[in-house]
Amino acid sequence: MQERLMKRGETSGRSDDNMESIKKRFKTFVETSMPVVDYFKKEGKVEWVSATKSPEEVYQDVKKSLKARDVQPTSSS
């Protein structure tokens, strides 16, 4: 992930796309967001989808995962 973010930093124009900031953001994510994910995972309400594919493939995987749970995605209009 660090490599992807560093590569994004080459063209994003974001001054905080540097290794130090990326490590801080990741640490903050792990400390603040992962406990929420873990809670909902224990409740059986988390679906893991690989985000390393193309955006369209990720979207198709998300739709498939939602459909398996009998959740209908809304249209993006």
Protein backbone atom coordinates (compact mmCIF):
# COMPACT_ATOMS: atom_id res chain seq x y z
CA MET A 1 0.00 0.00 0.00
CA GLN A 2 2.85 2.36 0.79
CA GLU A 3 4.21 1.92 -2.71
CA ARG A 4 0.82 2.72 -4.24
CA LEU A 5 0.44 5.84 -2.12
CA MET A 6 3.98 7.00 -2.86
CA LYS A 7 3.31 6.51 -6.58
CA ARG A 8 0.08 8.51 -6.21
CA GLY A 9 2.10 11.24 -4.53
CA GLU A 10 4.08 11.75 -7.72
CA THR A 11 0.99 13.13 -9.48
CA SER A 12 -1.54 13.98 -6.75
CA GLY A 13 -0.13 17.36 -5.84
CA ARG A 14 -0.74 16.49 -2.18
CA SER A 15 2.09 17.65 0.03
CA ASP A 16 1.19 14.97 2.58
CA ASP A 17 1.76 12.05 0.20
CA ASN A 18 5.17 11.30 1.68
CA MET A 19 6.40 8.29 3.65
CA GLU A 20 6.15 9.95 7.08
CA SER A 21 2.56 11.14 6.53
CA ILE A 22 1.51 7.83 5.00
CA LYS A 23 2.80 5.95 8.05
CA LYS A 24 0.96 8.37 10.37
CA ARG A 25 -2.30 8.00 8.42
CA PHE A 26 -2.02 4.22 8.45
CA LYS A 27 -1.31 4.17 12.21
CA THR A 28 -4.33 6.42 12.81
CA PHE A 29 -6.48 4.13 10.65
CA VAL A 30 -5.38 1.03 12.56
CA GLU A 31 -5.98 2.70 15.93
CA THR A 32 -9.32 4.36 15.19
CA SER A 33 -11.02 2.49 12.36
CA MET A 34 -9.97 -1.13 12.81
CA PRO A 35 -11.71 -1.48 16.19
CA VAL A 36 -14.95 -0.53 14.41
CA VAL A 37 -14.26 -3.03 11.62
CA ASP A 38 -13.43 -5.71 14.18
CA TYR A 39 -16.68 -5.05 16.06
CA PHE A 40 -18.80 -5.43 12.93
CA LYS A 41 -16.76 -8.44 11.81
CA LYS A 42 -17.71 -10.19 15.07
CA GLU A 43 -21.34 -9.30 14.29
CA GLY A 44 -21.00 -10.99 10.88
CA LYS A 45 -21.46 -7.69 9.07
CA VAL A 46 -18.14 -7.36 7.23
CA GLU A 47 -17.38 -8.51 3.72
CA TRP A 48 -13.77 -8.42 2.56
CA VAL A 49 -13.23 -7.40 -1.05
CA SER A 50 -9.85 -7.13 -2.69
CA ALA A 51 -9.23 -3.59 -3.87
CA THR A 52 -6.20 -4.48 -5.95
CA LYS A 53 -8.26 -5.03 -9.09
CA SER A 54 -9.59 -2.42 -11.48
CA PRO A 55 -12.35 -0.15 -10.14
CA GLU A 56 -14.94 -1.94 -12.30
CA GLU A 57 -13.84 -5.37 -11.05
CA VAL A 58 -13.94 -4.17 -7.42
CA TYR A 59 -17.44 -2.79 -8.00
CA GLN A 60 -18.58 -6.12 -9.47
CA ASP A 61 -17.11 -7.98 -6.47
CA VAL A 62 -18.91 -5.62 -4.07
CA LYS A 63 -22.21 -6.13 -5.91
CA LYS A 64 -21.72 -9.91 -5.82
CA SER A 65 -20.97 -9.79 -2.10
CA LEU A 66 -24.04 -7.67 -1.39
CA LYS A 67 -26.24 -9.90 -3.51
CA ALA A 68 -25.06 -12.94 -1.55
CA ARG A 69 -26.36 -11.16 1.57
CA ASP A 70 -29.60 -10.28 -0.23
CA VAL A 71 -28.76 -6.57 -0.18
CA GLN A 72 -29.69 -4.62 -3.29
CA PRO A 73 -27.19 -1.92 -4.27
CA THR A 74 -28.64 1.44 -5.21
CA SER A 75 -28.09 2.84 -8.66
CA SER A 76 -25.45 5.53 -9.02
CA SER A 77 -27.32 8.25 -10.85
